[in-house]
Amino acid sequence: MHYQALIKQLKDRRESLQVTQDTLAEISGVSLRALKQLESGKGNPTLETLSKLAEALGLELSLQLKTNR
């Protein structure tokens, strides 16, 4: 999954659950500033940040690594 698609999925899930950015920041332990930057496409989150957000939204984060051969 491409980075932007992952961010869109997190944002869509947050909105479908009717969770505000403030609330998600609080329950995930991710700063509100970082969350806003992420959703606006300006952030550069760590895997830990993405994992915290996914867990708080009831999603499972999985990564695929591909070999460039």
C-alpha atoms as a PDB file:
ATOM      1  CA  MET A   1       0.000   0.000   0.000  1.00  0.00           C
ATOM      2  CA  HIS A   2       1.346   3.387  -0.887  1.00  0.00           C
ATOM      3  CA  TYR A   3       1.954   5.920   1.851  1.00  0.00           C
ATOM      4  CA  GLN A   4      -0.825   8.307   0.774  1.00  0.00           C
ATOM      5  CA  ALA A   5      -3.336   5.435   0.590  1.00  0.00           C
ATOM      6  CA  LEU A   6      -2.436   4.430   4.133  1.00  0.00           C
ATOM      7  CA  ILE A   7      -2.930   7.977   5.406  1.00  0.00           C
ATOM      8  CA  LYS A   8      -6.270   8.199   3.593  1.00  0.00           C
ATOM      9  CA  GLN A   9      -7.405   4.932   5.152  1.00  0.00           C
ATOM     10  CA  LEU A  10      -6.522   6.161   8.648  1.00  0.00           C
ATOM     11  CA  LYS A  11      -8.347   9.453   8.082  1.00  0.00           C
ATOM     12  CA  ASP A  12     -11.390   7.744   6.535  1.00  0.00           C
ATOM     13  CA  ARG A  13     -11.584   5.340   9.471  1.00  0.00           C
ATOM     14  CA  ARG A  14     -11.343   8.208  11.969  1.00  0.00           C
ATOM     15  CA  GLU A  15     -14.130  10.061  10.202  1.00  0.00           C
ATOM     16  CA  SER A  16     -16.347   6.971   9.851  1.00  0.00           C
ATOM     17  CA  LEU A  17     -16.063   6.444  13.612  1.00  0.00           C
ATOM     18  CA  GLN A  18     -16.879  10.135  14.100  1.00  0.00           C
ATOM     19  CA  VAL A  19     -13.719  10.636  16.129  1.00  0.00           C
ATOM     20  CA  THR A  20     -12.218  14.109  16.179  1.00  0.00           C
ATOM     21  CA  GLN A  21      -8.535  14.708  15.644  1.00  0.00           C
ATOM     22  CA  ASP A  22      -8.322  15.915  19.251  1.00  0.00           C
ATOM     23  CA  THR A  23      -9.816  12.686  20.563  1.00  0.00           C
ATOM     24  CA  LEU A  24      -7.662  10.460  18.360  1.00  0.00           C
ATOM     25  CA  ALA A  25      -4.549  12.330  19.443  1.00  0.00           C
ATOM     26  CA  GLU A  26      -5.490  11.830  23.066  1.00  0.00           C
ATOM     27  CA  ILE A  27      -6.311   8.118  22.876  1.00  0.00           C
ATOM     28  CA  SER A  28      -3.391   7.220  20.596  1.00  0.00           C
ATOM     29  CA  GLY A  29      -0.712   9.216  22.371  1.00  0.00           C
ATOM     30  CA  VAL A  30       0.179  10.986  19.114  1.00  0.00           C
ATOM     31  CA  SER A  31       0.386  14.755  19.315  1.00  0.00           C
ATOM     32  CA  LEU A  32      -2.437  16.733  17.744  1.00  0.00           C
ATOM     33  CA  ARG A  33       0.105  18.679  15.695  1.00  0.00           C
ATOM     34  CA  ALA A  34       1.612  15.467  14.278  1.00  0.00           C
ATOM     35  CA  LEU A  35      -1.838  14.092  13.463  1.00  0.00           C
ATOM     36  CA  LYS A  36      -2.896  17.267  11.664  1.00  0.00           C
ATOM     37  CA  GLN A  37       0.328  17.327   9.662  1.00  0.00           C
ATOM     38  CA  LEU A  38      -0.083  13.679   8.769  1.00  0.00           C
ATOM     39  CA  GLU A  39      -3.663  14.067   7.563  1.00  0.00           C
ATOM     40  CA  SER A  40      -2.754  17.155   5.540  1.00  0.00           C
ATOM     41  CA  GLY A  41       0.018  15.256   3.767  1.00  0.00           C
ATOM     42  CA  LYS A  42       2.827  17.237   5.362  1.00  0.00           C
ATOM     43  CA  GLY A  43       3.898  14.841   8.074  1.00  0.00           C
ATOM     44  CA  ASN A  44       6.557  12.160   7.983  1.00  0.00           C
ATOM     45  CA  PRO A  45       5.425   9.714  10.674  1.00  0.00           C
ATOM     46  CA  THR A  46       7.446   6.898  12.133  1.00  0.00           C
ATOM     47  CA  LEU A  47       6.186   3.330  12.073  1.00  0.00           C
ATOM     48  CA  GLU A  48       5.526   3.707  15.791  1.00  0.00           C
ATOM     49  CA  THR A  49       3.217   6.683  15.142  1.00  0.00           C
ATOM     50  CA  LEU A  50       1.346   4.838  12.392  1.00  0.00           C
ATOM     51  CA  SER A  51       1.016   1.809  14.645  1.00  0.00           C
ATOM     52  CA  LYS A  52      -0.401   3.879  17.517  1.00  0.00           C
ATOM     53  CA  LEU A  53      -2.974   5.494  15.232  1.00  0.00           C
ATOM     54  CA  ALA A  54      -3.972   2.198  13.639  1.00  0.00           C
ATOM     55  CA  GLU A  55      -4.392   0.528  17.022  1.00  0.00           C
ATOM     56  CA  ALA A  56      -6.487   3.393  18.370  1.00  0.00           C
ATOM     57  CA  LEU A  57      -8.735   3.138  15.300  1.00  0.00           C
ATOM     58  CA  GLY A  58      -9.087  -0.645  15.535  1.00  0.00           C
ATOM     59  CA  LEU A  59      -6.981  -1.300  12.452  1.00  0.00           C
ATOM     60  CA  GLU A  60      -4.080  -3.663  11.941  1.00  0.00           C
ATOM     61  CA  LEU A  61      -0.950  -2.222  10.388  1.00  0.00           C
ATOM     62  CA  SER A  62       0.882  -4.584   8.067  1.00  0.00           C
ATOM     63  CA  LEU A  63       3.850  -3.844   5.882  1.00  0.00           C
ATOM     64  CA  GLN A  64       5.036  -5.414   2.683  1.00  0.00           C
ATOM     65  CA  LEU A  65       8.633  -5.273   1.626  1.00  0.00           C
ATOM     66  CA  LYS A  66       9.510  -5.894  -2.005  1.00  0.00           C
ATOM     67  CA  THR A  67      12.843  -6.708  -3.505  1.00  0.00           C
ATOM     68  CA  ASN A  68      13.947  -4.505  -6.379  1.00  0.00           C
ATOM     69  CA  ARG A  69      15.490  -7.017  -8.749  1.00  0.00           C
END
